[in-house]
Protein backbone atom coordinates (compact mmCIF):
# COMPACT_ATOMS: atom_id res chain seq x y z
CA MET A 1 -0.01 -0.16 0.00
CA ARG A 2 2.28 2.66 -1.25
CA PRO A 3 1.39 6.18 -2.67
CA SER A 4 2.76 4.68 -5.89
CA HIS A 5 2.56 1.09 -5.44
CA LEU A 6 0.22 -1.25 -3.61
CA SER A 7 0.72 -2.80 -0.38
CA THR A 8 -0.60 -2.98 3.08
CA PHE A 9 -0.46 -3.62 6.59
CA LEU A 10 -1.69 -3.83 10.07
CA ILE A 11 -3.74 -4.58 12.89
CA GLY A 12 -6.22 -6.36 15.14
CA LEU A 13 -7.23 -6.89 18.73
CA ALA A 14 -10.60 -7.82 20.03
CA GLY A 15 -12.97 -5.55 21.82
CA LEU A 16 -12.75 -2.48 19.71
CA SER A 17 -15.70 0.11 20.30
CA LEU A 18 -15.20 1.80 16.77
CA VAL A 19 -18.17 3.66 15.22
CA ALA A 20 -20.70 4.77 12.80
CA GLY A 21 -20.53 8.54 13.26
CA PRO A 22 -18.79 11.00 15.36
CA SER A 23 -17.86 9.08 18.24
CA LEU A 24 -16.37 5.45 17.95
CA ALA A 25 -19.74 3.72 19.21
CA ALA A 26 -20.96 0.40 18.02
CA PRO A 27 -22.16 0.37 14.31
CA PRO A 28 -25.85 -0.43 13.60
CA PRO A 29 -26.99 -4.18 13.44
CA ALA A 30 -25.45 -6.16 10.73
CA THR A 31 -27.34 -6.96 7.62
CA SER A 32 -24.46 -8.94 5.93
CA PRO A 33 -25.14 -10.85 2.88
CA SER A 34 -23.75 -14.18 4.04
CA LYS A 35 -22.55 -15.98 7.19
CA PRO A 36 -18.97 -16.27 8.29
CA VAL A 37 -17.39 -19.53 7.63
CA VAL A 38 -15.47 -19.08 10.99
CA ALA A 39 -17.29 -17.87 14.18
CA ALA A 40 -16.05 -16.27 17.24
CA ASN A 41 -12.78 -14.57 15.66
CA PRO A 42 -12.12 -11.55 17.77
CA VAL A 43 -13.02 -7.94 16.22
CA THR A 44 -10.16 -6.58 14.42
CA PRO A 45 -7.94 -4.34 14.78
CA GLY A 46 -9.10 -3.73 18.20
CA SER A 47 -7.04 -1.66 20.64
CA LEU A 48 -3.42 -0.90 19.84
CA THR A 49 -0.87 1.79 19.89
CA GLY A 50 2.23 0.06 18.29
CA TYR A 51 3.89 -0.73 15.09
CA GLY A 52 2.60 -2.75 12.08
CA PHE A 53 3.93 -3.58 8.63
CA ASP A 54 2.16 -3.88 5.17
CA GLN A 55 2.93 -5.83 2.20
CA CYS A 56 0.84 -6.69 -0.87
CA SER A 57 0.49 -10.48 -0.30
CA ALA A 58 -0.43 -12.06 2.72
CA PRO A 59 2.68 -13.74 3.99
CA SER A 60 2.95 -17.62 4.36
CA GLN A 61 2.20 -19.01 7.93
CA SER A 62 5.75 -19.86 8.42
CA ALA A 63 6.75 -16.11 7.67
CA MET A 64 4.11 -15.09 10.01
CA ASN A 65 5.38 -17.28 12.80
CA ALA A 66 8.93 -15.97 12.35
CA TRP A 67 7.91 -12.48 12.49
CA LEU A 68 5.48 -12.94 15.44
CA THR A 69 8.46 -13.89 17.63
CA GLY A 70 11.26 -12.02 16.07
CA SER A 71 9.81 -8.63 14.96
CA PRO A 72 8.39 -5.52 16.79
CA TYR A 73 5.16 -5.87 14.76
CA TRP A 74 1.87 -6.62 16.01
CA ALA A 75 -0.09 -5.62 12.92
CA VAL A 76 -0.34 -6.87 9.43
CA GLY A 77 -2.57 -5.71 6.45
CA ILE A 78 -4.12 -7.99 3.94
CA TYR A 79 -5.78 -7.06 0.62
CA ILE A 80 -9.06 -8.87 0.42
CA SER A 81 -10.98 -7.17 -2.24
CA GLY A 82 -10.80 -4.85 -5.29
CA ASP A 83 -10.42 -5.34 -9.02
CA SER A 84 -7.58 -2.69 -8.93
CA ARG A 85 -5.41 -4.60 -6.51
CA GLY A 86 -1.80 -5.35 -7.47
CA CYS A 87 -2.05 -8.76 -5.76
CA THR A 88 -5.38 -10.15 -6.85
CA SER A 89 -4.06 -13.70 -6.30
CA GLN A 90 -3.55 -14.27 -2.57
CA PRO A 91 -2.58 -18.05 -2.30
CA ASN A 92 -2.11 -17.83 1.59
CA LEU A 93 -5.19 -15.88 2.33
CA SER A 94 -8.21 -18.28 3.58
CA PRO A 95 -10.51 -18.46 6.58
CA THR A 96 -7.87 -20.60 8.25
CA TRP A 97 -5.11 -18.03 7.67
CA VAL A 98 -7.26 -15.31 9.32
CA ARG A 99 -8.28 -17.50 12.28
CA MET A 100 -4.61 -18.62 12.99
CA GLN A 101 -3.35 -14.96 12.78
CA LEU A 102 -6.20 -13.61 15.13
CA ALA A 103 -5.43 -16.66 17.40
CA HIS A 104 -1.66 -15.87 17.62
CA GLY A 105 -2.37 -12.12 18.47
CA TRP A 106 -1.78 -10.50 15.10
CA ARG A 107 -4.13 -7.39 14.37
CA LEU A 108 -5.43 -7.64 10.82
CA LEU A 109 -6.29 -4.82 8.80
CA PRO A 110 -8.39 -5.90 5.67
CA ILE A 111 -8.07 -3.55 2.60
CA THR A 112 -9.96 -2.99 -0.63
CA LEU A 113 -8.53 -1.20 -3.66
CA GLY A 114 -11.34 -0.85 -6.13
CA PRO A 115 -12.08 2.10 -8.37
CA GLN A 116 -9.66 4.75 -8.13
CA ALA A 117 -10.16 8.56 -8.64
CA TRP A 118 -11.08 9.68 -12.02
CA CYS A 119 -8.16 12.01 -12.51
CA THR A 120 -5.45 9.56 -11.33
CA THR A 121 -2.34 9.63 -13.33
CA ARG A 122 -1.20 6.14 -12.85
CA GLU A 123 -1.07 4.32 -15.90
CA ARG A 124 -2.50 0.98 -14.81
CA TYR A 125 -5.61 2.67 -13.29
CA LEU A 126 -6.41 4.62 -16.47
CA HIS A 127 -7.27 1.24 -18.03
CA GLN A 128 -9.44 0.20 -15.27
CA VAL A 129 -12.94 1.27 -13.90
CA ARG A 130 -12.64 4.39 -12.12
CA ILE A 131 -14.82 6.51 -9.82
CA SER A 132 -17.35 8.07 -12.24
CA PRO A 133 -16.97 11.95 -12.40
CA ARG A 134 -20.65 12.63 -13.47
CA SER A 135 -22.00 15.25 -11.29
CA THR A 136 -25.78 14.60 -11.99
CA ALA A 137 -27.84 13.83 -9.03
CA ALA A 138 -25.09 14.80 -6.45
CA TYR A 139 -22.70 12.31 -7.94
CA ALA A 140 -25.14 9.56 -7.64
CA THR A 141 -23.14 7.20 -9.86
CA ALA A 142 -20.02 7.52 -7.67
CA ARG A 143 -22.25 6.87 -4.57
CA ALA A 144 -23.56 3.74 -6.33
CA GLN A 145 -20.00 2.57 -6.87
CA GLY A 146 -19.15 3.21 -3.19
CA ARG A 147 -22.09 1.15 -2.01
CA ALA A 148 -21.39 -1.71 -4.39
CA GLU A 149 -17.60 -1.90 -3.31
CA ALA A 150 -18.83 -1.90 0.27
CA ASN A 151 -21.19 -4.76 -0.44
CA LYS A 152 -18.70 -6.66 -2.31
CA THR A 153 -15.91 -6.18 0.52
CA VAL A 154 -18.19 -7.27 3.38
CA GLY A 155 -19.19 -10.54 1.41
CA VAL A 156 -15.41 -11.34 1.09
CA ALA A 157 -14.82 -10.36 4.70
CA VAL A 158 -17.57 -12.42 6.15
CA ARG A 159 -16.59 -15.50 4.22
CA LEU A 160 -12.90 -15.11 5.46
CA GLY A 161 -14.33 -15.09 8.95
CA ILE A 162 -13.82 -11.39 9.83
CA ALA A 163 -15.91 -10.52 12.57
CA ARG A 164 -18.61 -7.67 12.27
CA ARG A 165 -17.58 -4.43 14.16
CA SER A 166 -14.19 -4.82 12.64
CA THR A 167 -12.67 -2.27 10.39
CA LEU A 168 -12.64 -2.51 6.73
CA TRP A 169 -10.27 -0.04 4.90
CA TYR A 170 -10.57 1.39 1.28
CA ASP A 171 -7.34 2.23 -0.51
CA LEU A 172 -7.43 5.42 -2.50
CA GLU A 173 -4.05 5.97 -4.05
CA ALA A 174 -2.68 9.41 -4.67
CA PHE A 175 -4.34 11.62 -7.27
CA PRO A 176 -4.44 15.34 -8.29
CA SER A 177 -7.41 16.64 -6.15
CA ALA A 178 -7.66 20.23 -7.35
CA GLY A 179 -10.37 19.53 -10.09
CA THR A 180 -13.80 19.68 -8.67
CA PRO A 181 -15.55 16.64 -10.42
CA CYS A 182 -12.67 14.42 -9.63
CA ARG A 183 -12.60 15.58 -5.90
CA GLU A 184 -16.27 15.48 -5.28
CA SER A 185 -16.94 12.31 -6.92
CA ALA A 186 -14.09 10.76 -4.71
CA LEU A 187 -15.79 12.22 -1.62
CA SER A 188 -19.13 10.86 -2.59
CA PHE A 189 -17.90 7.48 -3.31
CA LEU A 190 -15.97 7.35 0.19
CA SER A 191 -18.91 8.79 1.86
CA ALA A 192 -21.07 5.99 0.29
CA TRP A 193 -18.56 3.29 1.22
CA THR A 194 -18.66 4.37 4.97
CA THR A 195 -22.50 4.68 5.19
CA GLN A 196 -22.90 1.14 3.37
CA LEU A 197 -20.13 -0.41 5.73
CA HIS A 198 -22.17 0.78 8.88
CA ARG A 199 -25.41 -0.74 7.42
CA HIS A 200 -23.51 -4.03 7.55
CA GLY A 201 -22.15 -3.65 11.07
CA PHE A 202 -18.70 -2.81 9.88
CA VAL A 203 -16.34 -0.08 10.65
CA SER A 204 -15.05 2.19 7.96
CA GLY A 205 -11.32 3.23 7.38
CA VAL A 206 -9.82 5.10 4.49
CA TYR A 207 -5.99 4.83 3.54
CA SER A 208 -4.68 7.49 1.16
CA SER A 209 -1.73 9.79 0.59
CA ALA A 210 -1.68 12.57 3.08
CA ALA A 211 -1.19 15.21 0.41
CA SER A 212 -4.19 14.11 -1.69
CA GLY A 213 -6.93 11.85 -0.21
CA LEU A 214 -6.27 12.71 3.34
CA ALA A 215 -6.03 16.43 2.84
CA MET A 216 -9.25 16.38 0.70
CA LEU A 217 -11.11 14.29 3.53
CA ASP A 218 -9.80 16.68 6.28
CA ASN A 219 -10.69 19.77 4.28
CA ALA A 220 -14.28 18.46 3.70
CA ARG A 221 -14.48 17.56 7.31
CA VAL A 222 -13.60 21.18 8.50
CA SER A 223 -15.18 23.38 5.70
CA ARG A 224 -18.30 21.37 5.10
CA PRO A 225 -19.26 19.42 8.04
CA GLY A 226 -22.11 17.02 7.48
CA ARG A 227 -21.94 17.04 3.67
CA TYR A 228 -20.19 13.90 3.53
CA ARG A 229 -19.94 11.08 5.83
CA MET A 230 -16.55 10.69 7.09
CA PRO A 231 -14.75 7.53 7.82
CA ASP A 232 -14.27 6.22 11.37
CA ALA A 233 -10.38 6.13 10.97
CA VAL A 234 -7.76 7.14 8.65
CA TRP A 235 -4.58 5.68 7.53
CA ILE A 236 -2.16 8.56 6.58
CA ALA A 237 0.55 7.81 3.87
CA ASP A 238 3.27 10.35 4.77
CA TRP A 239 6.71 9.04 4.86
CA ASN A 240 8.34 11.54 7.08
CA GLY A 241 9.98 8.90 9.01
CA ARG A 242 8.32 9.37 12.31
CA PRO A 243 6.61 6.53 14.17
CA ASP A 244 3.65 8.64 15.53
CA ASP A 245 0.22 9.63 14.37
CA SER A 246 0.85 13.06 13.11
CA SER A 247 1.02 14.49 9.49
CA SER A 248 1.40 18.13 8.48
CA TYR A 249 -1.27 17.49 5.94
CA VAL A 250 -3.93 16.53 8.50
CA ARG A 251 -5.23 18.68 11.20
CA GLY A 252 -4.77 17.68 14.55
CA THR A 253 -8.37 18.01 15.42
CA GLY A 254 -9.48 15.20 13.08
CA TRP A 255 -9.85 11.43 13.85
CA THR A 256 -8.40 11.72 17.53
CA PRO A 257 -7.90 10.13 19.78
CA HIS A 258 -6.92 6.59 18.63
CA ARG A 259 -8.33 6.82 15.10
CA ARG A 260 -5.27 6.88 13.02
CA VAL A 261 -2.66 4.80 11.26
CA HIS A 262 0.40 6.48 9.76
CA GLN A 263 2.41 4.81 7.25
CA TYR A 264 5.90 6.56 8.07
CA ARG A 265 8.31 4.70 5.75
CA GLY A 266 8.14 3.18 2.40
CA GLY A 267 9.11 -0.15 0.90
CA HIS A 268 12.43 -1.79 2.18
CA ASP A 269 13.45 -5.15 3.14
CA GLU A 270 13.44 -6.48 6.78
CA THR A 271 14.47 -9.80 8.16
CA TYR A 272 13.37 -11.59 11.35
CA GLY A 273 13.70 -15.26 12.11
CA GLY A 274 15.55 -15.67 8.91
CA VAL A 275 12.59 -14.52 6.76
CA THR A 276 12.77 -11.37 4.51
CA ILE A 277 9.76 -9.41 3.56
CA ASN A 278 9.65 -6.11 1.76
CA VAL A 279 7.33 -4.00 3.82
CA ASP A 280 6.16 -0.39 4.51
CA GLN A 281 6.15 0.68 8.19
CA ASP A 282 3.34 1.93 10.07
CA TRP A 283 2.39 3.43 13.54
CA VAL A 284 -0.95 2.17 14.65
CA ASP A 285 -2.96 4.19 17.15
CA LEU A 286 -6.62 2.64 17.36
CA GLY A 287 -9.45 1.67 19.54
CA ALA A 288 -8.53 2.57 23.03
CA GLY A 289 -4.94 2.48 22.25
CA SER A 290 -2.65 0.23 24.46
CA THR A 291 -4.17 0.57 27.83
CA VAL A 292 -4.40 -1.83 30.90
CA ALA A 293 -6.76 -1.88 33.86
CA ALA A 294 -5.76 -0.20 37.13
CA GLU A 295 -4.16 -2.91 39.33
CA PRO A 296 -5.82 -3.93 42.41
CA SER A 297 -4.23 -3.47 45.84
CA HIS A 298 -1.95 -6.31 47.15
CA CYS A 299 -2.91 -7.89 50.47
CA GLY A 300 -5.51 -5.38 51.35
CA GLY A 301 -3.23 -2.52 50.62
CA ALA A 302 -0.45 -3.58 52.97
CA ALA A 303 2.14 -4.47 50.19
CA VAL A 304 3.64 -2.33 47.37
CA TYR A 305 5.09 -4.30 44.45
CA ASP A 306 7.03 -1.53 42.39
CA TYR A 307 10.72 -0.54 43.22
CA ALA A 308 13.48 0.58 40.95
CA GLY A 309 15.38 -2.42 42.46
CA TYR A 310 14.86 -5.11 44.74
CA ALA A 311 17.32 -5.83 47.50
CA PRO A 312 18.57 -9.38 48.80
CA VAL A 313 17.04 -9.92 52.17
CA ALA A 314 17.23 -12.65 54.86
CA LEU A 315 15.94 -13.86 58.12
CA GLY A 316 15.68 -10.74 60.58
CA ALA A 317 15.23 -8.12 57.92
CA ARG A 318 12.38 -5.56 58.30
CA GLY A 319 10.74 -3.23 55.84
CA ALA A 320 8.41 -2.57 52.84
CA GLN A 321 10.23 -5.23 50.60
CA VAL A 322 9.68 -7.83 53.16
CA ARG A 323 5.96 -6.95 53.18
CA THR A 324 6.06 -7.43 49.27
CA LEU A 325 7.81 -10.80 49.65
CA GLN A 326 5.10 -11.98 52.26
CA CYS A 327 2.42 -10.97 50.05
CA LEU A 328 3.85 -12.64 47.05
CA LEU A 329 4.29 -15.86 48.69
CA ARG A 330 0.97 -15.53 50.17
CA GLY A 331 -0.23 -15.62 46.60
CA LYS A 332 1.67 -18.71 46.08
CA ARG A 333 -0.05 -20.33 49.08
CA LEU A 334 3.63 -20.91 50.69
CA TYR A 335 3.22 -18.12 53.46
CA HIS A 336 0.45 -17.97 55.81
CA GLY A 337 1.85 -15.49 58.31
CA PRO A 338 0.96 -11.78 58.72
CA VAL A 339 2.28 -9.22 56.09
CA ASP A 340 3.99 -7.19 58.91
CA GLY A 341 7.39 -6.55 57.16
CA VAL A 342 9.32 -8.87 59.64
CA TYR A 343 11.41 -11.60 58.02
CA GLY A 344 10.80 -14.54 60.44
CA GLY A 345 11.22 -18.14 60.35
CA ARG A 346 7.94 -18.93 58.61
CA LEU A 347 8.75 -16.46 55.70
CA GLY A 348 12.22 -18.17 55.46
CA ALA A 349 10.58 -21.50 55.06
CA ALA A 350 8.13 -20.37 52.38
CA VAL A 351 11.15 -18.76 50.64
CA ARG A 352 13.07 -21.99 50.81
CA SER A 353 10.06 -24.00 49.44
CA TYR A 354 9.68 -21.45 46.50
CA ARG A 355 13.39 -21.52 45.72
CA VAL A 356 13.48 -25.42 45.52
CA SER A 357 10.08 -25.36 43.20
CA ARG A 358 11.95 -23.21 40.81
CA GLY A 359 15.37 -25.20 40.63
CA LEU A 360 17.19 -22.58 42.83
CA PRO A 361 19.49 -23.85 45.67
CA ALA A 362 17.75 -24.48 48.97
CA SER A 363 18.01 -21.41 51.16
CA THR A 364 15.82 -19.22 53.47
CA SER A 365 17.40 -16.12 51.82
CA THR A 366 15.85 -13.90 49.07
CA THR A 367 18.47 -13.26 46.70
CA THR A 368 18.11 -11.25 43.36
CA SER A 369 17.33 -14.54 41.44
CA THR A 370 14.40 -15.13 43.89
CA TRP A 371 13.13 -11.91 43.31
CA VAL A 372 13.51 -12.33 39.47
CA ALA A 373 11.67 -15.56 39.57
CA LEU A 374 8.94 -14.54 41.93
CA LEU A 375 7.91 -11.42 40.30
CA SER A 376 7.66 -13.04 36.91
CA ASP A 377 5.80 -16.24 38.23
CA ALA A 378 2.15 -15.21 38.36
CA GLY A 379 0.18 -16.50 35.50
CA ALA A 380 0.27 -17.02 31.98
CA ASN A 381 3.35 -16.39 29.96
CA PRO A 382 2.09 -14.61 26.66
CA ARG A 383 4.10 -13.36 23.83
CA LEU A 384 4.81 -9.47 24.56
CA LYS A 385 6.24 -6.80 22.34
CA VAL A 386 5.72 -3.07 21.78
CA GLY A 387 1.91 -2.42 22.13
CA SER A 388 1.22 -5.19 24.40
CA ALA A 389 -0.78 -4.04 27.64
CA SER A 390 -1.63 -6.43 30.44
CA THR A 391 -0.79 -7.82 33.86
CA ALA A 392 1.95 -9.97 32.21
CA VAL A 393 3.67 -6.80 31.11
CA ARG A 394 3.68 -5.55 34.62
CA ARG A 395 5.35 -8.70 35.70
CA VAL A 396 8.13 -8.49 33.01
CA GLN A 397 8.88 -4.85 34.14
CA ARG A 398 9.31 -5.69 37.85
CA ALA A 399 11.23 -8.85 37.02
CA LEU A 400 13.76 -6.64 34.82
CA ASN A 401 13.85 -4.00 37.46
CA ALA A 402 15.01 -7.00 39.89
CA ALA A 403 17.42 -8.53 37.58
CA ASP A 404 19.29 -5.44 36.62
CA ALA A 405 17.89 -2.45 38.29
CA ALA A 406 16.34 -1.14 34.84
CA GLY A 407 14.19 1.41 36.55
CA LEU A 408 11.34 0.91 34.37
CA ARG A 409 7.95 2.42 35.28
CA VAL A 410 5.74 -0.56 35.95
CA SER A 411 2.86 0.67 33.81
CA GLY A 412 1.59 -2.59 32.25
CA VAL A 413 2.26 -1.06 28.77
CA PHE A 414 5.21 -2.57 26.78
CA ASP A 415 6.98 0.69 25.44
CA SER A 416 10.30 1.63 23.90
CA ARG A 417 12.19 1.51 27.35
CA THR A 418 10.78 -1.88 28.16
CA THR A 419 11.80 -2.96 24.62
CA ALA A 420 15.44 -1.73 25.36
CA ALA A 421 15.33 -3.31 28.83
CA VAL A 422 14.28 -6.56 27.40
CA LYS A 423 17.04 -6.45 24.62
CA ARG A 424 19.70 -5.66 27.15
CA TYR A 425 18.40 -8.63 29.26
CA GLN A 426 18.55 -11.03 26.24
CA ARG A 427 22.13 -9.87 25.33
CA GLU A 428 23.53 -10.36 28.78
CA HIS A 429 22.07 -13.92 29.04
CA GLY A 430 22.92 -14.97 25.49
CA LEU A 431 19.47 -14.68 23.87
CA SER A 432 18.46 -13.25 20.45
CA ARG A 433 18.12 -9.65 20.94
CA THR A 434 14.58 -9.41 19.72
CA GLY A 435 13.07 -7.07 22.28
CA VAL A 436 10.22 -9.63 22.30
CA VAL A 437 9.40 -11.63 25.35
CA ALA A 438 8.62 -15.16 24.03
CA VAL A 439 9.23 -18.70 25.32
CA ALA A 440 13.06 -18.37 25.83
CA THR A 441 13.08 -15.19 27.79
CA TRP A 442 10.20 -16.09 29.95
CA ARG A 443 12.27 -19.48 30.70
CA ARG A 444 15.09 -17.47 31.82
CA LEU A 445 13.03 -15.05 33.96
CA LEU A 446 11.18 -17.69 35.46
CA ALA A 447 14.46 -19.50 36.33
CA GLY A 448 15.66 -16.45 38.29
CA THR A 449 18.38 -15.67 35.79
CA ALA A 450 19.90 -12.42 36.79
């Protein structure tokens, strides 16, 4: 999805509350033309603030697996519909492929590239069906084309198992937007696309060049409010090299908060897990962004878990970190005494039992290794990278603070500082420096490696 060359990208987490209208509320009830092959797939893209990539063809399953563990990306785009696509043949794309990526945590962004602007200058599009510039009946022909393209896209999406309330994106490539018939017909087409998607229970997104299609939409939004139905989210192609949601061509008042994707770098090769793909890079900020619920109090508020570093403690010690230790071991059902900050015999016995359970030498003392294992060992161990937001991220942040005094703010959101700390930990312990917390990194943390 490039201003001069098709490609795509990006995202999908479940639970998105994107919209039909000025706020990201649920769209109207679905009236989709066919039933999905696969039920219970999560809504995509969902909520994410992080990296995505786009490429013309849906990658193979082996490539997706390699990039899931080795790359910083959580999002991938797929061209599913549109007669003007550069990759009309998608040998990897199927309901099974969609289900597998969503199950692995990828956010999917389904894209259509159908009729392009009448005044396009790209040679290939000049020989294809374009958006009609006829102005009669308020560009009725262009609107009909937009509705038809929405209907076709929904049919394909449903057959692939893409859940209703997911976002479907229309790719309108760069074009000279100064001419009135070309501009107004494009706006009419996109307005009808959005309206028709809402009728089917899907969310509308539009990808375009920042300087043409997106500037056109933004100007119409500001100067003629209500004239055209605006998309719920926009995907801005502005190759300024900045991984953020801003562009000088689109006002900061539009499609915020969390309604933007920014394609900030064009085609280039990247390699992860031995697999090379030519991609564009994108910054994704959609849904609610990457957020996590507030953490409940620990042991009735008696214990605090977060410190810049965790000191070794032993029998006879007193203080706040001893209360933390008591509370953590209560959660393991190894300690049944009071959370009073006094390191007594019962706590020592609980520490010894826990150390043995993790393969550490039997001891009543809490070493750095004990802290690393205990802080990371409290639930499922999912794959984590930039954009992840969960209690598991909090566990990793605390364990890294214990392992090497990383000084991370324990936010529960996997940010750039967390990535840097993970890479440093991986380097120090002989792991691949991916910045992704996957099986090998979890294994080291749970073993208390410090």
